[in-house]
Amino acid sequence: MADDRRKNIRLDLALPIRYRIVRNHREIQKLISHKTSGSRNLSAGGLCLLVNEDVTKEDIVKLQLTLPDEEKPVVAFAEIVWIEPKGAESLIGLRFLAIKEQDITRINGYVAQQKESGAKESR
């Protein structure tokens, strides 16, 4: 049995994600502008995101994502827990820090539904 430290089921899923790296508290006031990228996987605990800018584990990321077939976006703040450089881009592992409980429930429901439909679970 593999050592899996995750608490939540993670699903391979490419979603468009709006994000902004927050480098200090003053920047929180400037959260209006976002960049767009795509996720590599998603769980109720966080996600993997491809970014094309320099990031550090000290950065906080504001995320906005819309699950397929839903209109209301999920908005969350996440910490960077790992960084994997990929040339000019990086894959970053994000753990949600601030997210509404109802949005966690929505993500869990979507992931469970997709898993039942045969979607590939991420390792």
PDB file of N, CA and C in Angstrom:
ATOM      1  N   MET A   1       0.845  -1.185   0.000  1.00  0.00           N
ATOM      2  CA  MET A   1       0.000   0.000   0.000  1.00  0.00           C
ATOM      3  C   MET A   1       0.883   1.237   0.000  1.00  0.00           C
ATOM      4  N   ALA A   2       0.605   2.169  -0.882  1.00  0.00           N
ATOM      5  CA  ALA A   2       1.410   3.386  -0.997  1.00  0.00           C
ATOM      6  C   ALA A   2       1.149   4.315   0.181  1.00  0.00           C
ATOM      7  N   ASP A   3       2.168   5.082   0.524  1.00  0.00           N
ATOM      8  CA  ASP A   3       2.039   6.075   1.589  1.00  0.00           C
ATOM      9  C   ASP A   3       1.321   7.296   1.023  1.00  0.00           C
ATOM     10  N   ASP A   4       0.059   7.471   1.352  1.00  0.00           N
ATOM     11  CA  ASP A   4      -0.716   8.603   0.852  1.00  0.00           C
ATOM     12  C   ASP A   4      -1.100   9.493   2.025  1.00  0.00           C
ATOM     13  N   ARG A   5      -0.523  10.671   2.078  1.00  0.00           N
ATOM     14  CA  ARG A   5      -0.748  11.585   3.191  1.00  0.00           C
ATOM     15  C   ARG A   5      -1.972  12.462   2.993  1.00  0.00           C
ATOM     16  N   ARG A   6      -2.619  12.367   1.856  1.00  0.00           N
ATOM     17  CA  ARG A   6      -3.778  13.212   1.593  1.00  0.00           C
ATOM     18  C   ARG A   6      -4.980  12.755   2.401  1.00  0.00           C
ATOM     19  N   LYS A   7      -5.761  13.731   2.857  1.00  0.00           N
ATOM     20  CA  LYS A   7      -6.987  13.439   3.594  1.00  0.00           C
ATOM     21  C   LYS A   7      -8.176  13.330   2.659  1.00  0.00           C
ATOM     22  N   ASN A   8      -8.080  13.962   1.472  1.00  0.00           N
ATOM     23  CA  ASN A   8      -9.200  14.044   0.550  1.00  0.00           C
ATOM     24  C   ASN A   8      -8.875  13.319  -0.754  1.00  0.00           C
ATOM     25  N   ILE A   9      -9.903  12.800  -1.391  1.00  0.00           N
ATOM     26  CA  ILE A   9      -9.739  12.192  -2.705  1.00  0.00           C
ATOM     27  C   ILE A   9      -9.358  13.296  -3.676  1.00  0.00           C
ATOM     28  N   ARG A  10      -8.367  13.041  -4.523  1.00  0.00           N
ATOM     29  CA  ARG A  10      -7.898  14.020  -5.502  1.00  0.00           C
ATOM     30  C   ARG A  10      -8.203  13.479  -6.885  1.00  0.00           C
ATOM     31  N   LEU A  11      -8.746  14.323  -7.753  1.00  0.00           N
ATOM     32  CA  LEU A  11      -9.193  13.946  -9.079  1.00  0.00           C
ATOM     33  C   LEU A  11      -8.354  14.653 -10.122  1.00  0.00           C
ATOM     34  N   ASP A  12      -7.836  13.925 -11.138  1.00  0.00           N
ATOM     35  CA  ASP A  12      -7.181  14.580 -12.270  1.00  0.00           C
ATOM     36  C   ASP A  12      -8.240  15.395 -12.989  1.00  0.00           C
ATOM     37  N   LEU A  13      -8.031  16.710 -13.088  1.00  0.00           N
ATOM     38  CA  LEU A  13      -9.044  17.579 -13.661  1.00  0.00           C
ATOM     39  C   LEU A  13      -8.404  18.868 -14.138  1.00  0.00           C
ATOM     40  N   ALA A  14      -8.636  19.229 -15.365  1.00  0.00           N
ATOM     41  CA  ALA A  14      -8.132  20.481 -15.923  1.00  0.00           C
ATOM     42  C   ALA A  14      -9.272  21.495 -15.927  1.00  0.00           C
ATOM     43  N   LEU A  15      -9.191  22.483 -15.034  1.00  0.00           N
ATOM     44  CA  LEU A  15     -10.181  23.550 -14.943  1.00  0.00           C
ATOM     45  C   LEU A  15      -9.497  24.883 -15.176  1.00  0.00           C
ATOM     46  N   PRO A  16     -10.179  25.842 -15.789  1.00  0.00           N
ATOM     47  CA  PRO A  16      -9.602  27.189 -15.826  1.00  0.00           C
ATOM     48  C   PRO A  16      -9.687  27.799 -14.425  1.00  0.00           C
ATOM     49  N   ILE A  17      -8.590  28.361 -13.951  1.00  0.00           N
ATOM     50  CA  ILE A  17      -8.512  28.927 -12.604  1.00  0.00           C
ATOM     51  C   ILE A  17      -8.010  30.357 -12.710  1.00  0.00           C
ATOM     52  N   ARG A  18      -8.717  31.307 -12.096  1.00  0.00           N
ATOM     53  CA  ARG A  18      -8.214  32.674 -11.974  1.00  0.00           C
ATOM     54  C   ARG A  18      -7.438  32.740 -10.675  1.00  0.00           C
ATOM     55  N   TYR A  19      -6.256  33.357 -10.711  1.00  0.00           N
ATOM     56  CA  TYR A  19      -5.449  33.422  -9.497  1.00  0.00           C
ATOM     57  C   TYR A  19      -4.654  34.712  -9.429  1.00  0.00           C
ATOM     58  N   ARG A  20      -4.169  35.013  -8.238  1.00  0.00           N
ATOM     59  CA  ARG A  20      -3.284  36.151  -7.996  1.00  0.00           C
ATOM     60  C   ARG A  20      -2.361  35.768  -6.859  1.00  0.00           C
ATOM     61  N   ILE A  21      -1.063  35.990  -7.045  1.00  0.00           N
ATOM     62  CA  ILE A  21      -0.083  35.762  -5.998  1.00  0.00           C
ATOM     63  C   ILE A  21      -0.078  36.996  -5.102  1.00  0.00           C
ATOM     64  N   VAL A  22      -0.217  36.792  -3.801  1.00  0.00           N
ATOM     65  CA  VAL A  22      -0.236  37.891  -2.838  1.00  0.00           C
ATOM     66  C   VAL A  22       1.102  37.858  -2.104  1.00  0.00           C
ATOM     67  N   ARG A  23       1.930  38.855  -2.340  1.00  0.00           N
ATOM     68  CA  ARG A  23       3.282  38.859  -1.784  1.00  0.00           C
ATOM     69  C   ARG A  23       3.384  39.569  -0.435  1.00  0.00           C
ATOM     70  N   ASN A  24       2.443  40.439  -0.121  1.00  0.00           N
ATOM     71  CA  ASN A  24       2.451  41.092   1.182  1.00  0.00           C
ATOM     72  C   ASN A  24       1.048  41.614   1.483  1.00  0.00           C
ATOM     73  N   HIS A  25       0.847  42.072   2.704  1.00  0.00           N
ATOM     74  CA  HIS A  25      -0.494  42.496   3.125  1.00  0.00           C
ATOM     75  C   HIS A  25      -1.013  43.689   2.334  1.00  0.00           C
ATOM     76  N   ARG A  26      -0.135  44.574   1.887  1.00  0.00           N
ATOM     77  CA  ARG A  26      -0.589  45.720   1.095  1.00  0.00           C
ATOM     78  C   ARG A  26      -1.190  45.273  -0.232  1.00  0.00           C
ATOM     79  N   GLU A  27      -0.706  44.184  -0.766  1.00  0.00           N
ATOM     80  CA  GLU A  27      -1.221  43.703  -2.041  1.00  0.00           C
ATOM     81  C   GLU A  27      -2.633  43.150  -1.928  1.00  0.00           C
ATOM     82  N   ILE A  28      -3.053  42.791  -0.745  1.00  0.00           N
ATOM     83  CA  ILE A  28      -4.415  42.282  -0.580  1.00  0.00           C
ATOM     84  C   ILE A  28      -5.425  43.316  -1.062  1.00  0.00           C
ATOM     85  N   GLN A  29      -5.082  44.589  -0.953  1.00  0.00           N
ATOM     86  CA  GLN A  29      -5.961  45.655  -1.429  1.00  0.00           C
ATOM     87  C   GLN A  29      -6.073  45.671  -2.952  1.00  0.00           C
ATOM     88  N   LYS A  30      -5.140  45.024  -3.639  1.00  0.00           N
ATOM     89  CA  LYS A  30      -5.097  45.058  -5.099  1.00  0.00           C
ATOM     90  C   LYS A  30      -5.598  43.759  -5.729  1.00  0.00           C
ATOM     91  N   LEU A  31      -6.470  43.066  -5.056  1.00  0.00           N
ATOM     92  CA  LEU A  31      -6.880  41.740  -5.520  1.00  0.00           C
ATOM     93  C   LEU A  31      -7.875  41.758  -6.681  1.00  0.00           C
ATOM     94  N   ILE A  32      -8.010  42.873  -7.325  1.00  0.00           N
ATOM     95  CA  ILE A  32      -8.974  42.957  -8.414  1.00  0.00           C
ATOM     96  C   ILE A  32      -8.453  42.264  -9.667  1.00  0.00           C
ATOM     97  N   SER A  33      -7.168  42.412  -9.957  1.00  0.00           N
ATOM     98  CA  SER A  33      -6.624  41.806 -11.172  1.00  0.00           C
ATOM     99  C   SER A  33      -6.223  40.358 -10.912  1.00  0.00           C
ATOM    100  N   HIS A  34      -6.426  39.531 -11.917  1.00  0.00           N
ATOM    101  CA  HIS A  34      -6.101  38.107 -11.822  1.00  0.00           C
ATOM    102  C   HIS A  34      -5.425  37.650 -13.103  1.00  0.00           C
ATOM    103  N   LYS A  35      -4.779  36.520 -13.032  1.00  0.00           N
ATOM    104  CA  LYS A  35      -4.269  35.823 -14.196  1.00  0.00           C
ATOM    105  C   LYS A  35      -5.104  34.565 -14.353  1.00  0.00           C
ATOM    106  N   THR A  36      -5.008  33.935 -15.509  1.00  0.00           N
ATOM    107  CA  THR A  36      -5.755  32.713 -15.749  1.00  0.00           C
ATOM    108  C   THR A  36      -4.795  31.594 -16.106  1.00  0.00           C
ATOM    109  N   SER A  37      -5.034  30.436 -15.552  1.00  0.00           N
ATOM    110  CA  SER A  37      -4.240  29.254 -15.840  1.00  0.00           C
ATOM    111  C   SER A  37      -5.152  28.045 -15.731  1.00  0.00           C
ATOM    112  N   GLY A  38      -4.567  26.856 -15.694  1.00  0.00           N
ATOM    113  CA  GLY A  38      -5.361  25.643 -15.598  1.00  0.00           C
ATOM    114  C   GLY A  38      -4.879  24.749 -14.473  1.00  0.00           C
ATOM    115  N   SER A  39      -5.826  24.109 -13.831  1.00  0.00           N
ATOM    116  CA  SER A  39      -5.473  23.174 -12.763  1.00  0.00           C
ATOM    117  C   SER A  39      -5.054  21.843 -13.373  1.00  0.00           C
ATOM    118  N   ARG A  40      -4.323  21.068 -12.597  1.00  0.00           N
ATOM    119  CA  ARG A  40      -3.946  19.711 -12.998  1.00  0.00           C
ATOM    120  C   ARG A  40      -4.740  18.681 -12.210  1.00  0.00           C
ATOM    121  N   ASN A  41      -5.158  19.050 -10.994  1.00  0.00           N
ATOM    122  CA  ASN A  41      -6.018  18.183 -10.195  1.00  0.00           C
ATOM    123  C   ASN A  41      -6.723  19.035  -9.156  1.00  0.00           C
ATOM    124  N   LEU A  42      -7.679  18.430  -8.487  1.00  0.00           N
ATOM    125  CA  LEU A  42      -8.515  19.169  -7.536  1.00  0.00           C
ATOM    126  C   LEU A  42      -8.991  18.237  -6.445  1.00  0.00           C
ATOM    127  N   SER A  43      -8.986  18.728  -5.206  1.00  0.00           N
ATOM    128  CA  SER A  43      -9.615  18.037  -4.085  1.00  0.00           C
ATOM    129  C   SER A  43     -10.202  19.100  -3.178  1.00  0.00           C
ATOM    130  N   ALA A  44     -10.936  18.684  -2.166  1.00  0.00           N
ATOM    131  CA  ALA A  44     -11.498  19.634  -1.208  1.00  0.00           C
ATOM    132  C   ALA A  44     -10.412  20.263  -0.342  1.00  0.00           C
ATOM    133  N   GLY A  45      -9.202  19.727  -0.390  1.00  0.00           N
ATOM    134  CA  GLY A  45      -8.099  20.278   0.395  1.00  0.00           C
ATOM    135  C   GLY A  45      -7.195  21.210  -0.377  1.00  0.00           C
ATOM    136  N   GLY A  46      -7.280  21.175  -1.716  1.00  0.00           N
ATOM    137  CA  GLY A  46      -6.416  22.034  -2.519  1.00  0.00           C
ATOM    138  C   GLY A  46      -6.367  21.578  -3.957  1.00  0.00           C
ATOM    139  N   LEU A  47      -5.353  22.065  -4.683  1.00  0.00           N
ATOM    140  CA  LEU A  47      -5.228  21.727  -6.094  1.00  0.00           C
ATOM    141  C   LEU A  47      -3.805  21.941  -6.567  1.00  0.00           C
ATOM    142  N   CYS A  48      -3.538  21.480  -7.777  1.00  0.00           N
ATOM    143  CA  CYS A  48      -2.258  21.701  -8.443  1.00  0.00           C
ATOM    144  C   CYS A  48      -2.524  22.663  -9.588  1.00  0.00           C
ATOM    145  N   LEU A  49      -1.679  23.684  -9.720  1.00  0.00           N
ATOM    146  CA  LEU A  49      -1.886  24.752 -10.690  1.00  0.00           C
ATOM    147  C   LEU A  49      -0.600  25.024 -11.448  1.00  0.00           C
ATOM    148  N   LEU A  50      -0.707  25.272 -12.747  1.00  0.00           N
ATOM    149  CA  LEU A  50       0.428  25.671 -13.568  1.00  0.00           C
ATOM    150  C   LEU A  50       0.474  27.189 -13.614  1.00  0.00           C
ATOM    151  N   VAL A  51       1.619  27.789 -13.233  1.00  0.00           N
ATOM    152  CA  VAL A  51       1.775  29.245 -13.260  1.00  0.00           C
ATOM    153  C   VAL A  51       2.995  29.618 -14.085  1.00  0.00           C
ATOM    154  N   ASN A  52       2.987  30.827 -14.637  1.00  0.00           N
ATOM    155  CA  ASN A  52       4.114  31.281 -15.443  1.00  0.00           C
ATOM    156  C   ASN A  52       4.771  32.514 -14.829  1.00  0.00           C
ATOM    157  N   GLU A  53       4.967  32.466 -13.515  1.00  0.00           N
ATOM    158  CA  GLU A  53       5.649  33.537 -12.806  1.00  0.00           C
ATOM    159  C   GLU A  53       6.418  32.942 -11.636  1.00  0.00           C
ATOM    160  N   ASP A  54       7.366  33.716 -11.126  1.00  0.00           N
ATOM    161  CA  ASP A  54       8.140  33.257  -9.977  1.00  0.00           C
ATOM    162  C   ASP A  54       7.260  33.256  -8.733  1.00  0.00           C
ATOM    163  N   VAL A  55       7.321  32.182  -7.988  1.00  0.00           N
ATOM    164  CA  VAL A  55       6.561  32.068  -6.743  1.00  0.00           C
ATOM    165  C   VAL A  55       7.472  31.472  -5.672  1.00  0.00           C
ATOM    166  N   THR A  56       7.095  31.686  -4.419  1.00  0.00           N
ATOM    167  CA  THR A  56       7.805  31.093  -3.295  1.00  0.00           C
ATOM    168  C   THR A  56       6.773  30.449  -2.380  1.00  0.00           C
ATOM    169  N   LYS A  57       7.234  29.612  -1.481  1.00  0.00           N
ATOM    170  CA  LYS A  57       6.324  28.979  -0.524  1.00  0.00           C
ATOM    171  C   LYS A  57       5.739  29.982   0.463  1.00  0.00           C
ATOM    172  N   GLU A  58       6.285  31.175   0.522  1.00  0.00           N
ATOM    173  CA  GLU A  58       5.750  32.204   1.411  1.00  0.00           C
ATOM    174  C   GLU A  58       4.557  32.932   0.789  1.00  0.00           C
ATOM    175  N   ASP A  59       4.342  32.767  -0.521  1.00  0.00           N
ATOM    176  CA  ASP A  59       3.252  33.456  -1.210  1.00  0.00           C
ATOM    177  C   ASP A  59       1.907  32.823  -0.869  1.00  0.00           C
ATOM    178  N   ILE A  60       0.881  33.657  -0.877  1.00  0.00           N
ATOM    179  CA  ILE A  60      -0.499  33.220  -0.718  1.00  0.00           C
ATOM    180  C   ILE A  60      -1.178  33.458  -2.057  1.00  0.00           C
ATOM    181  N   VAL A  61      -2.014  32.520  -2.477  1.00  0.00           N
ATOM    182  CA  VAL A  61      -2.671  32.616  -3.778  1.00  0.00           C
ATOM    183  C   VAL A  61      -4.176  32.739  -3.564  1.00  0.00           C
ATOM    184  N   LYS A  62      -4.764  33.742  -4.201  1.00  0.00           N
ATOM    185  CA  LYS A  62      -6.224  33.856  -4.213  1.00  0.00           C
ATOM    186  C   LYS A  62      -6.697  33.153  -5.480  1.00  0.00           C
ATOM    187  N   LEU A  63      -7.650  32.237  -5.329  1.00  0.00           N
ATOM    188  CA  LEU A  63      -8.148  31.436  -6.436  1.00  0.00           C
ATOM    189  C   LEU A  63      -9.628  31.689  -6.667  1.00  0.00           C
ATOM    190  N   GLN A  64     -10.019  31.603  -7.918  1.00  0.00           N
ATOM    191  CA  GLN A  64     -11.436  31.598  -8.270  1.00  0.00           C
ATOM    192  C   GLN A  64     -11.609  30.545  -9.347  1.00  0.00           C
ATOM    193  N   LEU A  65     -12.434  29.541  -9.075  1.00  0.00           N
ATOM    194  CA  LEU A  65     -12.666  28.490 -10.053  1.00  0.00           C
ATOM    195  C   LEU A  65     -14.150  28.191 -10.123  1.00  0.00           C
ATOM    196  N   THR A  66     -14.576  27.770 -11.287  1.00  0.00           N
ATOM    197  CA  THR A  66     -15.969  27.396 -11.473  1.00  0.00           C
ATOM    198  C   THR A  66     -16.017  25.934 -11.881  1.00  0.00           C
ATOM    199  N   LEU A  67     -16.704  25.138 -11.090  1.00  0.00           N
ATOM    200  CA  LEU A  67     -16.848  23.716 -11.405  1.00  0.00           C
ATOM    201  C   LEU A  67     -17.710  23.557 -12.653  1.00  0.00           C
ATOM    202  N   PRO A  68     -17.449  22.538 -13.470  1.00  0.00           N
ATOM    203  CA  PRO A  68     -18.280  22.315 -14.660  1.00  0.00           C
ATOM    204  C   PRO A  68     -19.763  22.232 -14.306  1.00  0.00           C
ATOM    205  N   ASP A  69     -20.584  22.803 -15.156  1.00  0.00           N
ATOM    206  CA  ASP A  69     -22.047  22.799 -15.007  1.00  0.00           C
ATOM    207  C   ASP A  69     -22.535  23.612 -13.812  1.00  0.00           C
ATOM    208  N   GLU A  70     -21.679  24.482 -13.267  1.00  0.00           N
ATOM    209  CA  GLU A  70     -22.095  25.380 -12.186  1.00  0.00           C
ATOM    210  C   GLU A  70     -21.826  26.818 -12.610  1.00  0.00           C
ATOM    211  N   GLU A  71     -22.569  27.730 -12.059  1.00  0.00           N
ATOM    212  CA  GLU A  71     -22.368  29.142 -12.378  1.00  0.00           C
ATOM    213  C   GLU A  71     -21.614  29.881 -11.282  1.00  0.00           C
ATOM    214  N   LYS A  72     -21.889  29.524 -10.038  1.00  0.00           N
ATOM    215  CA  LYS A  72     -21.283  30.225  -8.909  1.00  0.00           C
ATOM    216  C   LYS A  72     -19.838  29.768  -8.715  1.00  0.00           C
ATOM    217  N   PRO A  73     -18.887  30.717  -8.738  1.00  0.00           N
ATOM    218  CA  PRO A  73     -17.489  30.316  -8.560  1.00  0.00           C
ATOM    219  C   PRO A  73     -17.145  29.983  -7.110  1.00  0.00           C
ATOM    220  N   VAL A  74     -16.136  29.148  -6.958  1.00  0.00           N
ATOM    221  CA  VAL A  74     -15.520  28.877  -5.664  1.00  0.00           C
ATOM    222  C   VAL A  74     -14.377  29.874  -5.524  1.00  0.00           C
ATOM    223  N   VAL A  75     -14.338  30.596  -4.419  1.00  0.00           N
ATOM    224  CA  VAL A  75     -13.258  31.541  -4.149  1.00  0.00           C
ATOM    225  C   VAL A  75     -12.538  31.057  -2.894  1.00  0.00           C
ATOM    226  N   ALA A  76     -11.208  31.029  -2.980  1.00  0.00           N
ATOM    227  CA  ALA A  76     -10.430  30.536  -1.843  1.00  0.00           C
ATOM    228  C   ALA A  76      -9.062  31.203  -1.817  1.00  0.00           C
ATOM    229  N   PHE A  77      -8.457  31.214  -0.649  1.00  0.00           N
ATOM    230  CA  PHE A  77      -7.060  31.588  -0.497  1.00  0.00           C
ATOM    231  C   PHE A  77      -6.306  30.305  -0.182  1.00  0.00           C
ATOM    232  N   ALA A  78      -5.102  30.165  -0.752  1.00  0.00           N
ATOM    233  CA  ALA A  78      -4.347  28.932  -0.573  1.00  0.00           C
ATOM    234  C   ALA A  78      -2.871  29.240  -0.355  1.00  0.00           C
ATOM    235  N   GLU A  79      -2.213  28.330   0.375  1.00  0.00           N
ATOM    236  CA  GLU A  79      -0.769  28.433   0.558  1.00  0.00           C
ATOM    237  C   GLU A  79      -0.084  27.493  -0.420  1.00  0.00           C
ATOM    238  N   ILE A  80       1.109  27.877  -0.838  1.00  0.00           N
ATOM    239  CA  ILE A  80       1.908  27.039  -1.728  1.00  0.00           C
ATOM    240  C   ILE A  80       2.681  26.050  -0.858  1.00  0.00           C
ATOM    241  N   VAL A  81       2.448  24.766  -1.080  1.00  0.00           N
ATOM    242  CA  VAL A  81       3.117  23.742  -0.273  1.00  0.00           C
ATOM    243  C   VAL A  81       4.264  23.062  -1.015  1.00  0.00           C
ATOM    244  N   TRP A  82       4.264  23.135  -2.340  1.00  0.00           N
ATOM    245  CA  TRP A  82       5.399  22.645  -3.123  1.00  0.00           C
ATOM    246  C   TRP A  82       5.436  23.363  -4.466  1.00  0.00           C
ATOM    247  N   ILE A  83       6.625  23.405  -5.043  1.00  0.00           N
ATOM    248  CA  ILE A  83       6.860  24.053  -6.337  1.00  0.00           C
ATOM    249  C   ILE A  83       7.706  23.107  -7.183  1.00  0.00           C
ATOM    250  N   GLU A  84       7.265  22.850  -8.406  1.00  0.00           N
ATOM    251  CA  GLU A  84       8.011  22.004  -9.338  1.00  0.00           C
ATOM    252  C   GLU A  84       8.259  22.798 -10.622  1.00  0.00           C
ATOM    253  N   PRO A  85       9.479  23.336 -10.799  1.00  0.00           N
ATOM    254  CA  PRO A  85       9.781  24.110 -12.009  1.00  0.00           C
ATOM    255  C   PRO A  85       9.607  23.257 -13.273  1.00  0.00           C
ATOM    256  N   LYS A  86       9.036  23.866 -14.293  1.00  0.00           N
ATOM    257  CA  LYS A  86       8.834  23.229 -15.602  1.00  0.00           C
ATOM    258  C   LYS A  86       9.239  24.232 -16.673  1.00  0.00           C
ATOM    259  N   GLY A  87      10.548  24.458 -16.835  1.00  0.00           N
ATOM    260  CA  GLY A  87      11.018  25.460 -17.788  1.00  0.00           C
ATOM    261  C   GLY A  87      10.658  26.850 -17.304  1.00  0.00           C
ATOM    262  N   ALA A  88       9.955  27.623 -18.143  1.00  0.00           N
ATOM    263  CA  ALA A  88       9.561  28.990 -17.781  1.00  0.00           C
ATOM    264  C   ALA A  88       8.337  29.009 -16.873  1.00  0.00           C
ATOM    265  N   GLU A  89       7.734  27.849 -16.664  1.00  0.00           N
ATOM    266  CA  GLU A  89       6.545  27.752 -15.825  1.00  0.00           C
ATOM    267  C   GLU A  89       6.856  26.895 -14.603  1.00  0.00           C
ATOM    268  N   SER A  90       5.895  26.832 -13.695  1.00  0.00           N
ATOM    269  CA  SER A  90       6.020  25.964 -12.527  1.00  0.00           C
ATOM    270  C   SER A  90       4.668  25.353 -12.204  1.00  0.00           C
ATOM    271  N   LEU A  91       4.693  24.095 -11.780  1.00  0.00           N
ATOM    272  CA  LEU A  91       3.519  23.489 -11.164  1.00  0.00           C
ATOM    273  C   LEU A  91       3.607  23.799  -9.691  1.00  0.00           C
ATOM    274  N   ILE A  92       2.503  24.238  -9.092  1.00  0.00           N
ATOM    275  CA  ILE A  92       2.501  24.517  -7.657  1.00  0.00           C
ATOM    276  C   ILE A  92       1.377  23.731  -6.986  1.00  0.00           C
ATOM    277  N   GLY A  93       1.703  23.161  -5.842  1.00  0.00           N
ATOM    278  CA  GLY A  93       0.717  22.468  -5.030  1.00  0.00           C
ATOM    279  C   GLY A  93       0.143  23.452  -4.029  1.00  0.00           C
ATOM    280  N   LEU A  94      -1.162  23.587  -4.008  1.00  0.00           N
ATOM    281  CA  LEU A  94      -1.835  24.564  -3.153  1.00  0.00           C
ATOM    282  C   LEU A  94      -2.728  23.876  -2.130  1.00  0.00           C
ATOM    283  N   ARG A  95      -2.666  24.334  -0.894  1.00  0.00           N
ATOM    284  CA  ARG A  95      -3.547  23.865   0.186  1.00  0.00           C
ATOM    285  C   ARG A  95      -4.455  25.024   0.557  1.00  0.00           C
ATOM    286  N   PHE A  96      -5.761  24.783   0.527  1.00  0.00           N
ATOM    287  CA  PHE A  96      -6.713  25.834   0.865  1.00  0.00           C
ATOM    288  C   PHE A  96      -6.512  26.292   2.308  1.00  0.00           C
ATOM    289  N   LEU A  97      -6.459  27.600   2.496  1.00  0.00           N
ATOM    290  CA  LEU A  97      -6.381  28.197   3.830  1.00  0.00           C
ATOM    291  C   LEU A  97      -7.729  28.777   4.246  1.00  0.00           C
ATOM    292  N   ALA A  98      -8.379  29.436   3.307  1.00  0.00           N
ATOM    293  CA  ALA A  98      -9.669  30.073   3.575  1.00  0.00           C
ATOM    294  C   ALA A  98     -10.608  29.741   2.421  1.00  0.00           C
ATOM    295  N   ILE A  99     -11.647  28.977   2.745  1.00  0.00           N
ATOM    296  CA  ILE A  99     -12.635  28.567   1.754  1.00  0.00           C
ATOM    297  C   ILE A  99     -13.926  28.295   2.517  1.00  0.00           C
ATOM    298  N   LYS A 100     -15.050  28.665   1.926  1.00  0.00           N
ATOM    299  CA  LYS A 100     -16.328  28.428   2.594  1.00  0.00           C
ATOM    300  C   LYS A 100     -16.614  26.932   2.695  1.00  0.00           C
ATOM    301  N   GLU A 101     -17.206  26.531   3.807  1.00  0.00           N
ATOM    302  CA  GLU A 101     -17.555  25.128   4.018  1.00  0.00           C
ATOM    303  C   GLU A 101     -18.464  24.627   2.901  1.00  0.00           C
ATOM    304  N   GLN A 102     -19.392  25.460   2.435  1.00  0.00           N
ATOM    305  CA  GLN A 102     -20.290  25.044   1.356  1.00  0.00           C
ATOM    306  C   GLN A 102     -19.521  24.780   0.059  1.00  0.00           C
ATOM    307  N   ASP A 103     -18.406  25.499  -0.141  1.00  0.00           N
ATOM    308  CA  ASP A 103     -17.597  25.266  -1.333  1.00  0.00           C
ATOM    309  C   ASP A 103     -16.797  23.971  -1.204  1.00  0.00           C
ATOM    310  N   ILE A 104     -16.348  23.641  -0.005  1.00  0.00           N
ATOM    311  CA  ILE A 104     -15.698  22.344   0.222  1.00  0.00           C
ATOM    312  C   ILE A 104     -16.689  21.229  -0.085  1.00  0.00           C
ATOM    313  N   THR A 105     -17.927  21.385   0.366  1.00  0.00           N
ATOM    314  CA  THR A 105     -18.967  20.391   0.107  1.00  0.00           C
ATOM    315  C   THR A 105     -19.213  20.264  -1.394  1.00  0.00           C
ATOM    316  N   ARG A 106     -19.242  21.391  -2.118  1.00  0.00           N
ATOM    317  CA  ARG A 106     -19.447  21.357  -3.570  1.00  0.00           C
ATOM    318  C   ARG A 106     -18.304  20.623  -4.273  1.00  0.00           C
ATOM    319  N   ILE A 107     -17.070  20.910  -3.857  1.00  0.00           N
ATOM    320  CA  ILE A 107     -15.917  20.249  -4.469  1.00  0.00           C
ATOM    321  C   ILE A 107     -15.957  18.751  -4.168  1.00  0.00           C
ATOM    322  N   ASN A 108     -16.203  18.384  -2.911  1.00  0.00           N
ATOM    323  CA  ASN A 108     -16.290  16.964  -2.546  1.00  0.00           C
ATOM    324  C   ASN A 108     -17.358  16.248  -3.355  1.00  0.00           C
ATOM    325  N   GLY A 109     -18.506  16.887  -3.514  1.00  0.00           N
ATOM    326  CA  GLY A 109     -19.598  16.297  -4.286  1.00  0.00           C
ATOM    327  C   GLY A 109     -19.216  16.106  -5.739  1.00  0.00           C
ATOM    328  N   TYR A 110     -18.570  17.106  -6.312  1.00  0.00           N
ATOM    329  CA  TYR A 110     -18.160  17.011  -7.711  1.00  0.00           C
ATOM    330  C   TYR A 110     -17.113  15.910  -7.900  1.00  0.00           C
ATOM    331  N   VAL A 111     -16.105  15.883  -7.029  1.00  0.00           N
ATOM    332  CA  VAL A 111     -15.046  14.874  -7.131  1.00  0.00           C
ATOM    333  C   VAL A 111     -15.640  13.466  -6.984  1.00  0.00           C
ATOM    334  N   ALA A 112     -16.531  13.277  -6.011  1.00  0.00           N
ATOM    335  CA  ALA A 112     -17.154  11.963  -5.807  1.00  0.00           C
ATOM    336  C   ALA A 112     -17.982  11.561  -7.027  1.00  0.00           C
ATOM    337  N   GLN A 113     -18.734  12.506  -7.580  1.00  0.00           N
ATOM    338  CA  GLN A 113     -19.550  12.232  -8.762  1.00  0.00           C
ATOM    339  C   GLN A 113     -18.665  11.829  -9.947  1.00  0.00           C
ATOM    340  N   GLN A 114     -17.574  12.531 -10.145  1.00  0.00           N
ATOM    341  CA  GLN A 114     -16.675  12.222 -11.251  1.00  0.00           C
ATOM    342  C   GLN A 114     -15.990  10.876 -11.052  1.00  0.00           C
ATOM    343  N   LYS A 115     -15.628  10.582  -9.816  1.00  0.00           N
ATOM    344  CA  LYS A 115     -14.990   9.290  -9.521  1.00  0.00           C
ATOM    345  C   LYS A 115     -15.955   8.151  -9.823  1.00  0.00           C
ATOM    346  N   GLU A 116     -17.225   8.314  -9.440  1.00  0.00           N
ATOM    347  CA  GLU A 116     -18.244   7.298  -9.738  1.00  0.00           C
ATOM    348  C   GLU A 116     -18.431   7.125 -11.236  1.00  0.00           C
ATOM    349  N   SER A 117     -18.220   8.205 -11.983  1.00  0.00           N
ATOM    350  CA  SER A 117     -18.371   8.155 -13.440  1.00  0.00           C
ATOM    351  C   SER A 117     -17.140   7.608 -14.152  1.00  0.00           C
ATOM    352  N   GLY A 118     -16.121   7.253 -13.370  1.00  0.00           N
ATOM    353  CA  GLY A 118     -14.928   6.646 -13.946  1.00  0.00           C
ATOM    354  C   GLY A 118     -13.772   7.592 -14.182  1.00  0.00           C
ATOM    355  N   ALA A 119     -13.845   8.813 -13.682  1.00  0.00           N
ATOM    356  CA  ALA A 119     -12.737   9.761 -13.845  1.00  0.00           C
ATOM    357  C   ALA A 119     -11.499   9.245 -13.124  1.00  0.00           C
ATOM    358  N   LYS A 120     -10.344   9.584 -13.650  1.00  0.00           N
ATOM    359  CA  LYS A 120      -9.078   9.110 -13.082  1.00  0.00           C
ATOM    360  C   LYS A 120      -8.777   9.850 -11.787  1.00  0.00           C
ATOM    361  N   GLU A 121      -8.508   9.088 -10.735  1.00  0.00           N
ATOM    362  CA  GLU A 121      -8.107   9.661  -9.455  1.00  0.00           C
ATOM    363  C   GLU A 121      -6.616   9.951  -9.508  1.00  0.00           C
ATOM    364  N   SER A 122      -6.241  11.125  -9.037  1.00  0.00           N
ATOM    365  CA  SER A 122      -4.832  11.541  -9.043  1.00  0.00           C
ATOM    366  C   SER A 122      -4.104  10.949  -7.851  1.00  0.00           C
ATOM    367  N   ARG A 123      -2.852  10.630  -8.041  1.00  0.00           N
ATOM    368  CA  ARG A 123      -2.010  10.109  -6.942  1.00  0.00           C
ATOM    369  C   ARG A 123      -1.062  11.152  -6.470  1.00  0.00           C
TER     370      ARG A 123
END
